[in-house]
Amino acid sequence: MAASKDPLRVRGAVRDFALGLPGAYEDFPWGDCVIKVNKKIFVFLGEGEGDRPPGVTVKLGDEKAHAHAMSAPGAVPTGYGLGRAGWVSIPLGEGAPRADLLCDWVEESYRTVAPKKLVAELDAG
């Protein structure tokens, strides 16, 4: 995946990648775009409002990946108590991670919540 400075293009690439994972589908609870598998959210795709850029929120159980995501400019533990469970919100503004790295994190988040059968399907490729 090519690098892009356009936050909406990066968000679109991440969305397309997430929807390509086995059993993944898009939903809009609370009016926000999320991608789910087996009725469980594995990525939030924030639209951005006002001067706030779009963002991606993922669940990262791997300590290295979590620390790496938290080092992105503006990254914060996700609100509503989700941060304690490993969720990280990453804005797609200046200095944001490349789409390919974000997709790696989306895949880890997917693996955290997807049924083993679908993870095996992903691994079989």
N, C-alpha and C. Protein backbone atom coordinates (compact mmCIF):
# COMPACT_ATOMS: atom_id res chain seq x y z
N MET A 1 0.83 -1.17 0.00
CA MET A 1 0.00 0.00 0.00
C MET A 1 0.88 1.23 0.00
N ALA A 2 0.60 2.14 -0.89
CA ALA A 2 1.40 3.35 -0.99
C ALA A 2 1.08 4.28 0.17
N ALA A 3 2.09 5.05 0.55
CA ALA A 3 1.88 6.04 1.60
C ALA A 3 1.04 7.17 1.03
N SER A 4 0.28 7.81 1.89
CA SER A 4 -0.54 8.92 1.46
C SER A 4 -0.61 9.93 2.58
N LYS A 5 -0.59 11.19 2.22
CA LYS A 5 -0.73 12.26 3.21
C LYS A 5 -2.19 12.64 3.40
N ASP A 6 -3.08 12.18 2.52
CA ASP A 6 -4.49 12.53 2.58
C ASP A 6 -5.19 11.64 3.61
N PRO A 7 -5.62 12.22 4.76
CA PRO A 7 -6.25 11.41 5.80
C PRO A 7 -7.48 10.64 5.33
N LEU A 8 -8.28 11.21 4.44
CA LEU A 8 -9.47 10.49 3.97
C LEU A 8 -9.09 9.31 3.07
N ARG A 9 -8.03 9.47 2.32
CA ARG A 9 -7.56 8.36 1.48
C ARG A 9 -7.00 7.23 2.35
N VAL A 10 -6.26 7.60 3.38
CA VAL A 10 -5.73 6.59 4.31
C VAL A 10 -6.89 5.88 5.00
N ARG A 11 -7.87 6.64 5.48
CA ARG A 11 -9.05 6.05 6.12
C ARG A 11 -9.75 5.09 5.17
N GLY A 12 -9.89 5.48 3.90
CA GLY A 12 -10.52 4.62 2.90
C GLY A 12 -9.75 3.33 2.67
N ALA A 13 -8.42 3.43 2.65
CA ALA A 13 -7.59 2.24 2.46
C ALA A 13 -7.74 1.29 3.64
N VAL A 14 -7.77 1.85 4.84
CA VAL A 14 -7.94 1.03 6.04
C VAL A 14 -9.32 0.37 6.03
N ARG A 15 -10.35 1.13 5.67
CA ARG A 15 -11.72 0.60 5.60
C ARG A 15 -11.79 -0.55 4.60
N ASP A 16 -11.23 -0.35 3.40
CA ASP A 16 -11.25 -1.39 2.38
C ASP A 16 -10.54 -2.66 2.85
N PHE A 17 -9.38 -2.48 3.50
CA PHE A 17 -8.64 -3.61 4.02
C PHE A 17 -9.49 -4.38 5.05
N ALA A 18 -10.06 -3.63 6.01
CA ALA A 18 -10.85 -4.26 7.08
C ALA A 18 -12.04 -5.03 6.51
N LEU A 19 -12.71 -4.45 5.51
CA LEU A 19 -13.86 -5.12 4.92
C LEU A 19 -13.48 -6.35 4.11
N GLY A 20 -12.20 -6.47 3.76
CA GLY A 20 -11.71 -7.64 3.04
C GLY A 20 -11.39 -8.83 3.93
N LEU A 21 -11.43 -8.63 5.24
CA LEU A 21 -11.15 -9.73 6.16
C LEU A 21 -12.36 -10.65 6.25
N PRO A 22 -12.15 -11.96 6.46
CA PRO A 22 -13.26 -12.92 6.47
C PRO A 22 -14.36 -12.55 7.46
N GLY A 23 -15.60 -12.49 6.97
CA GLY A 23 -16.75 -12.24 7.82
C GLY A 23 -16.94 -10.79 8.25
N ALA A 24 -16.09 -9.88 7.78
CA ALA A 24 -16.16 -8.48 8.20
C ALA A 24 -17.30 -7.76 7.48
N TYR A 25 -17.94 -6.85 8.20
CA TYR A 25 -19.00 -6.03 7.61
C TYR A 25 -19.04 -4.67 8.30
N GLU A 26 -19.59 -3.72 7.58
CA GLU A 26 -19.67 -2.34 8.06
C GLU A 26 -21.00 -2.12 8.79
N ASP A 27 -20.95 -1.32 9.84
CA ASP A 27 -22.15 -0.98 10.60
C ASP A 27 -22.02 0.48 11.05
N PHE A 28 -23.15 1.08 11.44
CA PHE A 28 -23.15 2.48 11.82
C PHE A 28 -23.91 2.72 13.13
N PRO A 29 -23.49 2.05 14.23
CA PRO A 29 -24.15 2.34 15.51
C PRO A 29 -23.77 3.75 15.93
N TRP A 30 -24.63 4.43 16.56
CA TRP A 30 -24.37 5.79 17.04
C TRP A 30 -24.05 6.74 15.89
N GLY A 31 -24.26 6.32 14.63
CA GLY A 31 -23.96 7.16 13.48
C GLY A 31 -22.51 7.10 13.04
N ASP A 32 -21.66 6.38 13.76
CA ASP A 32 -20.24 6.28 13.42
C ASP A 32 -19.98 4.99 12.65
N CYS A 33 -19.01 5.03 11.76
CA CYS A 33 -18.64 3.85 10.98
C CYS A 33 -17.76 2.93 11.82
N VAL A 34 -18.18 1.67 11.91
CA VAL A 34 -17.38 0.64 12.55
C VAL A 34 -17.34 -0.56 11.62
N ILE A 35 -16.33 -1.39 11.79
CA ILE A 35 -16.25 -2.65 11.06
C ILE A 35 -16.33 -3.75 12.13
N LYS A 36 -17.21 -4.72 11.88
CA LYS A 36 -17.46 -5.78 12.84
C LYS A 36 -17.18 -7.15 12.22
N VAL A 37 -16.98 -8.11 13.10
CA VAL A 37 -16.95 -9.52 12.74
C VAL A 37 -17.69 -10.24 13.86
N ASN A 38 -18.61 -11.11 13.48
CA ASN A 38 -19.38 -11.87 14.48
C ASN A 38 -20.05 -10.94 15.50
N LYS A 39 -20.58 -9.82 15.03
CA LYS A 39 -21.28 -8.81 15.83
C LYS A 39 -20.38 -8.06 16.80
N LYS A 40 -19.06 -8.21 16.67
CA LYS A 40 -18.11 -7.52 17.56
C LYS A 40 -17.30 -6.52 16.74
N ILE A 41 -17.18 -5.33 17.27
CA ILE A 41 -16.39 -4.28 16.60
C ILE A 41 -14.91 -4.61 16.71
N PHE A 42 -14.19 -4.46 15.59
CA PHE A 42 -12.74 -4.58 15.66
C PHE A 42 -12.04 -3.32 15.16
N VAL A 43 -12.78 -2.40 14.56
CA VAL A 43 -12.18 -1.11 14.20
C VAL A 43 -13.28 -0.05 14.12
N PHE A 44 -12.98 1.10 14.71
CA PHE A 44 -13.80 2.30 14.60
C PHE A 44 -13.12 3.19 13.57
N LEU A 45 -13.90 3.76 12.65
CA LEU A 45 -13.34 4.67 11.64
C LEU A 45 -13.98 6.04 11.81
N GLY A 46 -13.30 6.89 12.54
CA GLY A 46 -13.82 8.23 12.81
C GLY A 46 -13.76 9.10 11.57
N GLU A 47 -14.82 9.85 11.34
CA GLU A 47 -14.92 10.73 10.17
C GLU A 47 -14.10 11.99 10.33
N GLY A 48 -13.90 12.43 11.57
CA GLY A 48 -13.28 13.73 11.81
C GLY A 48 -14.35 14.80 11.77
N GLU A 49 -14.23 15.76 12.64
CA GLU A 49 -15.21 16.83 12.70
C GLU A 49 -14.47 18.14 12.93
N GLY A 50 -14.95 19.20 12.31
CA GLY A 50 -14.32 20.50 12.47
C GLY A 50 -12.86 20.45 12.04
N ASP A 51 -11.97 20.84 12.94
CA ASP A 51 -10.54 20.81 12.60
C ASP A 51 -9.88 19.50 13.03
N ARG A 52 -10.69 18.55 13.54
CA ARG A 52 -10.17 17.25 13.96
C ARG A 52 -10.09 16.32 12.75
N PRO A 53 -8.92 15.67 12.53
CA PRO A 53 -8.79 14.77 11.38
C PRO A 53 -9.55 13.47 11.60
N PRO A 54 -9.81 12.73 10.51
CA PRO A 54 -10.37 11.39 10.67
C PRO A 54 -9.43 10.55 11.53
N GLY A 55 -9.92 9.44 12.04
CA GLY A 55 -9.09 8.60 12.89
C GLY A 55 -9.46 7.13 12.78
N VAL A 56 -8.59 6.31 13.34
CA VAL A 56 -8.78 4.87 13.38
C VAL A 56 -8.60 4.44 14.83
N THR A 57 -9.50 3.58 15.30
CA THR A 57 -9.40 3.05 16.66
C THR A 57 -9.38 1.53 16.57
N VAL A 58 -8.35 0.93 17.18
CA VAL A 58 -8.16 -0.52 17.12
C VAL A 58 -7.83 -1.06 18.51
N LYS A 59 -8.05 -2.37 18.68
CA LYS A 59 -7.70 -3.04 19.93
C LYS A 59 -6.40 -3.80 19.73
N LEU A 60 -5.38 -3.43 20.50
CA LEU A 60 -4.06 -4.03 20.34
C LEU A 60 -3.63 -4.71 21.64
N GLY A 61 -3.64 -6.03 21.63
CA GLY A 61 -3.25 -6.80 22.80
C GLY A 61 -1.74 -6.97 22.90
N ASP A 62 -1.06 -6.94 21.76
CA ASP A 62 0.39 -7.09 21.75
C ASP A 62 1.03 -5.82 22.32
N GLU A 63 1.85 -5.97 23.34
CA GLU A 63 2.42 -4.81 24.03
C GLU A 63 3.26 -3.94 23.11
N LYS A 64 4.06 -4.56 22.22
CA LYS A 64 4.90 -3.77 21.31
C LYS A 64 4.05 -2.96 20.33
N ALA A 65 3.05 -3.61 19.76
CA ALA A 65 2.17 -2.92 18.81
C ALA A 65 1.41 -1.80 19.52
N HIS A 66 0.95 -2.07 20.73
CA HIS A 66 0.22 -1.06 21.50
C HIS A 66 1.13 0.14 21.77
N ALA A 67 2.33 -0.10 22.22
CA ALA A 67 3.27 0.99 22.50
C ALA A 67 3.60 1.77 21.22
N HIS A 68 3.77 1.04 20.12
CA HIS A 68 4.05 1.70 18.84
C HIS A 68 2.88 2.60 18.44
N ALA A 69 1.66 2.09 18.55
CA ALA A 69 0.48 2.88 18.20
C ALA A 69 0.37 4.11 19.10
N MET A 70 0.64 3.93 20.38
CA MET A 70 0.55 5.05 21.32
C MET A 70 1.60 6.12 21.06
N SER A 71 2.66 5.77 20.31
CA SER A 71 3.70 6.75 20.00
C SER A 71 3.34 7.62 18.79
N ALA A 72 2.26 7.30 18.10
CA ALA A 72 1.82 8.11 16.95
C ALA A 72 1.35 9.48 17.46
N PRO A 73 1.60 10.54 16.69
CA PRO A 73 1.17 11.87 17.12
C PRO A 73 -0.33 11.92 17.39
N GLY A 74 -0.68 12.35 18.59
CA GLY A 74 -2.08 12.50 18.95
C GLY A 74 -2.79 11.24 19.41
N ALA A 75 -2.12 10.08 19.37
CA ALA A 75 -2.75 8.83 19.78
C ALA A 75 -3.05 8.85 21.28
N VAL A 76 -4.20 8.31 21.64
CA VAL A 76 -4.62 8.27 23.04
C VAL A 76 -5.34 6.95 23.32
N PRO A 77 -5.34 6.53 24.59
CA PRO A 77 -6.18 5.40 24.94
C PRO A 77 -7.64 5.79 24.66
N THR A 78 -8.40 4.89 24.10
CA THR A 78 -9.78 5.19 23.73
C THR A 78 -10.62 5.44 24.98
N GLY A 79 -11.54 6.39 24.86
CA GLY A 79 -12.41 6.76 25.96
C GLY A 79 -13.42 5.69 26.31
N TYR A 80 -14.32 6.03 27.21
CA TYR A 80 -15.39 5.15 27.68
C TYR A 80 -14.85 3.87 28.30
N GLY A 81 -13.63 3.92 28.84
CA GLY A 81 -13.04 2.75 29.49
C GLY A 81 -12.43 1.74 28.54
N LEU A 82 -12.54 1.97 27.22
CA LEU A 82 -12.00 1.01 26.25
C LEU A 82 -10.47 0.98 26.27
N GLY A 83 -9.86 2.11 26.61
CA GLY A 83 -8.40 2.17 26.64
C GLY A 83 -7.80 1.16 27.60
N ARG A 84 -8.50 0.89 28.70
CA ARG A 84 -8.00 -0.10 29.67
C ARG A 84 -7.98 -1.51 29.08
N ALA A 85 -8.78 -1.73 28.03
CA ALA A 85 -8.83 -3.05 27.39
C ALA A 85 -7.92 -3.12 26.16
N GLY A 86 -7.07 -2.10 25.97
CA GLY A 86 -6.11 -2.13 24.87
C GLY A 86 -6.51 -1.35 23.64
N TRP A 87 -7.64 -0.65 23.67
CA TRP A 87 -8.07 0.14 22.51
C TRP A 87 -7.28 1.44 22.43
N VAL A 88 -6.83 1.77 21.21
CA VAL A 88 -6.06 2.98 20.95
C VAL A 88 -6.73 3.76 19.82
N SER A 89 -6.89 5.07 20.03
CA SER A 89 -7.44 5.95 19.00
C SER A 89 -6.30 6.74 18.38
N ILE A 90 -6.19 6.63 17.04
CA ILE A 90 -5.07 7.22 16.31
C ILE A 90 -5.60 8.20 15.28
N PRO A 91 -5.32 9.50 15.45
CA PRO A 91 -5.77 10.46 14.45
C PRO A 91 -4.94 10.33 13.17
N LEU A 92 -5.56 10.62 12.04
CA LEU A 92 -4.88 10.49 10.75
C LEU A 92 -4.38 11.83 10.24
N GLY A 93 -4.01 12.70 11.14
CA GLY A 93 -3.48 14.01 10.77
C GLY A 93 -1.99 13.94 10.49
N GLU A 94 -1.34 15.07 10.64
CA GLU A 94 0.10 15.21 10.39
C GLU A 94 0.89 14.18 11.18
N GLY A 95 1.78 13.46 10.50
CA GLY A 95 2.64 12.48 11.15
C GLY A 95 1.99 11.14 11.45
N ALA A 96 0.77 10.93 10.97
CA ALA A 96 0.06 9.67 11.22
C ALA A 96 0.81 8.50 10.60
N PRO A 97 0.63 7.31 11.17
CA PRO A 97 1.24 6.11 10.58
C PRO A 97 0.74 5.88 9.15
N ARG A 98 1.56 5.19 8.38
CA ARG A 98 1.18 4.84 7.00
C ARG A 98 0.02 3.86 7.01
N ALA A 99 -0.70 3.82 5.91
CA ALA A 99 -1.86 2.93 5.79
C ALA A 99 -1.48 1.47 6.00
N ASP A 100 -0.32 1.04 5.51
CA ASP A 100 0.04 -0.37 5.66
C ASP A 100 0.25 -0.75 7.13
N LEU A 101 0.82 0.15 7.92
CA LEU A 101 0.99 -0.12 9.35
C LEU A 101 -0.37 -0.12 10.05
N LEU A 102 -1.22 0.83 9.71
CA LEU A 102 -2.57 0.86 10.27
C LEU A 102 -3.32 -0.44 9.95
N CYS A 103 -3.14 -0.94 8.74
CA CYS A 103 -3.79 -2.20 8.35
C CYS A 103 -3.25 -3.38 9.16
N ASP A 104 -1.96 -3.37 9.47
CA ASP A 104 -1.39 -4.40 10.34
C ASP A 104 -2.09 -4.37 11.70
N TRP A 105 -2.31 -3.17 12.22
CA TRP A 105 -2.97 -3.03 13.52
C TRP A 105 -4.44 -3.45 13.42
N VAL A 106 -5.09 -3.14 12.31
CA VAL A 106 -6.48 -3.57 12.10
C VAL A 106 -6.54 -5.09 12.10
N GLU A 107 -5.58 -5.73 11.43
CA GLU A 107 -5.57 -7.20 11.40
C GLU A 107 -5.37 -7.77 12.80
N GLU A 108 -4.51 -7.16 13.60
CA GLU A 108 -4.33 -7.65 14.97
C GLU A 108 -5.62 -7.49 15.77
N SER A 109 -6.28 -6.36 15.60
CA SER A 109 -7.54 -6.11 16.28
C SER A 109 -8.58 -7.16 15.87
N TYR A 110 -8.64 -7.46 14.57
CA TYR A 110 -9.54 -8.48 14.04
C TYR A 110 -9.26 -9.83 14.71
N ARG A 111 -7.99 -10.21 14.76
CA ARG A 111 -7.61 -11.49 15.34
C ARG A 111 -8.00 -11.58 16.82
N THR A 112 -8.06 -10.44 17.49
CA THR A 112 -8.43 -10.39 18.90
C THR A 112 -9.89 -10.72 19.12
N VAL A 113 -10.76 -10.31 18.19
CA VAL A 113 -12.20 -10.48 18.40
C VAL A 113 -12.87 -11.53 17.50
N ALA A 114 -12.23 -11.90 16.41
CA ALA A 114 -12.85 -12.84 15.46
C ALA A 114 -12.86 -14.27 16.00
N PRO A 115 -13.87 -15.05 15.60
CA PRO A 115 -13.88 -16.47 15.97
C PRO A 115 -12.67 -17.19 15.36
N LYS A 116 -12.20 -18.21 16.05
CA LYS A 116 -11.01 -18.95 15.60
C LYS A 116 -11.17 -19.47 14.18
N LYS A 117 -12.38 -19.88 13.83
CA LYS A 117 -12.64 -20.41 12.49
C LYS A 117 -12.31 -19.36 11.42
N LEU A 118 -12.70 -18.10 11.66
CA LEU A 118 -12.43 -17.04 10.68
C LEU A 118 -10.95 -16.64 10.67
N VAL A 119 -10.30 -16.69 11.83
CA VAL A 119 -8.85 -16.43 11.87
C VAL A 119 -8.13 -17.50 11.08
N ALA A 120 -8.56 -18.75 11.21
CA ALA A 120 -7.95 -19.84 10.44
C ALA A 120 -8.17 -19.63 8.96
N GLU A 121 -9.34 -19.13 8.58
CA GLU A 121 -9.63 -18.83 7.17
C GLU A 121 -8.69 -17.74 6.67
N LEU A 122 -8.46 -16.72 7.49
CA LEU A 122 -7.53 -15.64 7.12
C LEU A 122 -6.13 -16.21 6.93
N ASP A 123 -5.68 -17.05 7.85
CA ASP A 123 -4.35 -17.62 7.77
C ASP A 123 -4.18 -18.55 6.57
N ALA A 124 -5.27 -19.22 6.16
CA ALA A 124 -5.21 -20.12 5.02
C ALA A 124 -5.11 -19.34 3.72
N GLY A 125 -5.53 -18.09 3.77
CA GLY A 125 -5.34 -17.15 2.78
C GLY A 125 -5.89 -16.93 1.52
